[in-house]
Amino acid sequence: QAAIAAGVPVHVPAETINRVCGSGLQAVVHAAEALAFGYTSFVVAGGTESMSNAPYVVRDARWGYRLGHGELTDVLLLDGLTCAMTTVTWA
């Protein structure tokens, strides 16, 4: 979507890398490897992020709530700004 929004024609080969916070760096590494191995002579590489679009979720809502309410959890704080190893909030 970013490439199309930037005016890159749809017929130009492209790929999406999903490695969460490391996606932009992985894209640049992959581009450098493609150049180094002679797979291509020109690349454009980079990354975008949209943490402000992180959703709110309702845990265990898949099975429904009979009485009471489900609490909304901000995924930005839960998954984006909390260390998965120590559960310490980075913000």
C-alpha atoms as a PDB file:
ATOM      1  CA  GLN A   1       0.000   0.000   0.000  1.00  0.00           C
ATOM      2  CA  ALA A   2       2.828   2.401   0.788  1.00  0.00           C
ATOM      3  CA  ALA A   3       4.491   1.757  -2.573  1.00  0.00           C
ATOM      4  CA  ILE A   4       1.266   2.307  -4.486  1.00  0.00           C
ATOM      5  CA  ALA A   5       0.551   5.476  -2.481  1.00  0.00           C
ATOM      6  CA  ALA A   6       4.065   6.674  -3.362  1.00  0.00           C
ATOM      7  CA  GLY A   7       3.323   6.233  -7.063  1.00  0.00           C
ATOM      8  CA  VAL A   8       5.124   2.955  -7.751  1.00  0.00           C
ATOM      9  CA  PRO A   9       3.227   1.237 -10.596  1.00  0.00           C
ATOM     10  CA  VAL A  10       1.366  -1.948  -9.696  1.00  0.00           C
ATOM     11  CA  HIS A  11       3.376  -4.011 -12.229  1.00  0.00           C
ATOM     12  CA  VAL A  12       6.692  -3.326 -10.418  1.00  0.00           C
ATOM     13  CA  PRO A  13       7.794  -6.349  -8.321  1.00  0.00           C
ATOM     14  CA  ALA A  14       7.473  -5.753  -4.585  1.00  0.00           C
ATOM     15  CA  GLU A  15       7.238  -7.684  -1.365  1.00  0.00           C
ATOM     16  CA  THR A  16       5.940  -7.197   2.151  1.00  0.00           C
ATOM     17  CA  ILE A  17       8.007  -8.225   5.148  1.00  0.00           C
ATOM     18  CA  ASN A  18       6.238  -8.694   8.469  1.00  0.00           C
ATOM     19  CA  ARG A  19       8.764  -8.898  11.279  1.00  0.00           C
ATOM     20  CA  VAL A  20       6.976  -6.434  13.549  1.00  0.00           C
ATOM     21  CA  CYS A  21       9.456  -3.750  14.693  1.00  0.00           C
ATOM     22  CA  GLY A  22      12.288  -5.234  12.616  1.00  0.00           C
ATOM     23  CA  SER A  23      10.478  -5.105   9.269  1.00  0.00           C
ATOM     24  CA  GLY A  24      12.144  -1.946   7.946  1.00  0.00           C
ATOM     25  CA  LEU A  25      15.619  -3.165   8.850  1.00  0.00           C
ATOM     26  CA  GLN A  26      14.911  -6.599   7.345  1.00  0.00           C
ATOM     27  CA  ALA A  27      13.742  -4.929   4.116  1.00  0.00           C
ATOM     28  CA  VAL A  28      16.995  -2.970   3.862  1.00  0.00           C
ATOM     29  CA  VAL A  29      19.089  -6.091   4.592  1.00  0.00           C
ATOM     30  CA  HIS A  30      17.168  -8.079   1.978  1.00  0.00           C
ATOM     31  CA  ALA A  31      17.688  -5.280  -0.562  1.00  0.00           C
ATOM     32  CA  ALA A  32      21.431  -5.151   0.178  1.00  0.00           C
ATOM     33  CA  GLU A  33      21.683  -8.926  -0.272  1.00  0.00           C
ATOM     34  CA  ALA A  34      19.847  -8.747  -3.612  1.00  0.00           C
ATOM     35  CA  LEU A  35      22.325  -6.130  -4.817  1.00  0.00           C
ATOM     36  CA  ALA A  36      25.364  -7.981  -3.438  1.00  0.00           C
ATOM     37  CA  PHE A  37      24.401 -11.255  -5.117  1.00  0.00           C
ATOM     38  CA  GLY A  38      23.576  -9.577  -8.415  1.00  0.00           C
ATOM     39  CA  TYR A  39      19.871 -10.430  -8.378  1.00  0.00           C
ATOM     40  CA  THR A  40      19.063  -6.845  -9.295  1.00  0.00           C
ATOM     41  CA  SER A  41      20.773  -3.573 -10.098  1.00  0.00           C
ATOM     42  CA  PHE A  42      18.329  -1.201  -8.399  1.00  0.00           C
ATOM     43  CA  VAL A  43      16.212  -1.407  -5.254  1.00  0.00           C
ATOM     44  CA  VAL A  44      14.136   0.852  -3.059  1.00  0.00           C
ATOM     45  CA  ALA A  45      13.807  -0.392   0.506  1.00  0.00           C
ATOM     46  CA  GLY A  46      12.361   0.951   3.704  1.00  0.00           C
ATOM     47  CA  GLY A  47       9.630   0.485   6.215  1.00  0.00           C
ATOM     48  CA  THR A  48       6.468   2.033   7.551  1.00  0.00           C
ATOM     49  CA  GLU A  49       4.656   1.584  10.792  1.00  0.00           C
ATOM     50  CA  SER A  50       1.246   2.656  12.031  1.00  0.00           C
ATOM     51  CA  MET A  51       1.089   2.040  15.745  1.00  0.00           C
ATOM     52  CA  SER A  52      -1.724   4.584  16.042  1.00  0.00           C
ATOM     53  CA  ASN A  53      -3.944   2.109  14.177  1.00  0.00           C
ATOM     54  CA  ALA A  54      -3.449  -0.647  16.749  1.00  0.00           C
ATOM     55  CA  PRO A  55      -6.884  -2.034  17.654  1.00  0.00           C
ATOM     56  CA  TYR A  56      -8.650  -2.572  20.929  1.00  0.00           C
ATOM     57  CA  VAL A  57      -9.503  -6.195  21.653  1.00  0.00           C
ATOM     58  CA  VAL A  58     -11.928  -8.000  23.939  1.00  0.00           C
ATOM     59  CA  ARG A  59     -10.225 -11.043  25.399  1.00  0.00           C
ATOM     60  CA  ASP A  60     -12.139 -14.341  25.319  1.00  0.00           C
ATOM     61  CA  ALA A  61     -14.942 -12.754  23.264  1.00  0.00           C
ATOM     62  CA  ARG A  62     -14.781 -15.662  20.827  1.00  0.00           C
ATOM     63  CA  TRP A  63     -16.903 -17.702  23.211  1.00  0.00           C
ATOM     64  CA  GLY A  64     -19.187 -14.801  24.136  1.00  0.00           C
ATOM     65  CA  TYR A  65     -20.169 -13.138  27.373  1.00  0.00           C
ATOM     66  CA  ARG A  66     -23.366 -14.302  29.031  1.00  0.00           C
ATOM     67  CA  LEU A  67     -23.725 -11.719  31.777  1.00  0.00           C
ATOM     68  CA  GLY A  68     -21.553  -8.740  32.440  1.00  0.00           C
ATOM     69  CA  HIS A  69     -19.219  -7.038  30.046  1.00  0.00           C
ATOM     70  CA  GLY A  70     -15.958  -7.583  28.268  1.00  0.00           C
ATOM     71  CA  GLU A  71     -13.108  -5.215  28.989  1.00  0.00           C
ATOM     72  CA  LEU A  72     -11.396  -3.524  26.039  1.00  0.00           C
ATOM     73  CA  THR A  73      -7.622  -3.938  25.962  1.00  0.00           C
ATOM     74  CA  ASP A  74      -5.454  -1.504  24.016  1.00  0.00           C
ATOM     75  CA  VAL A  75      -3.181  -3.703  21.885  1.00  0.00           C
ATOM     76  CA  LEU A  76      -0.706  -0.823  21.524  1.00  0.00           C
ATOM     77  CA  LEU A  77       0.069  -1.009  25.237  1.00  0.00           C
ATOM     78  CA  LEU A  78      -0.330  -4.776  25.511  1.00  0.00           C
ATOM     79  CA  ASP A  79       1.725  -5.872  22.523  1.00  0.00           C
ATOM     80  CA  GLY A  80       3.530  -2.797  21.227  1.00  0.00           C
ATOM     81  CA  LEU A  81       4.834  -1.069  24.322  1.00  0.00           C
ATOM     82  CA  THR A  82       5.240  -3.940  26.775  1.00  0.00           C
ATOM     83  CA  CYS A  83       8.285  -6.201  26.954  1.00  0.00           C
ATOM     84  CA  ALA A  84       7.190  -9.754  26.176  1.00  0.00           C
ATOM     85  CA  MET A  85       9.933 -11.195  28.381  1.00  0.00           C
ATOM     86  CA  THR A  86       9.529  -9.093  31.536  1.00  0.00           C
ATOM     87  CA  THR A  87       6.011  -7.608  31.091  1.00  0.00           C
ATOM     88  CA  VAL A  88       7.503  -4.190  31.908  1.00  0.00           C
ATOM     89  CA  THR A  89       5.751  -1.331  30.105  1.00  0.00           C
ATOM     90  CA  TRP A  90       8.145   0.751  28.019  1.00  0.00           C
ATOM     91  CA  ALA A  91       5.919   3.837  27.836  1.00  0.00           C
END
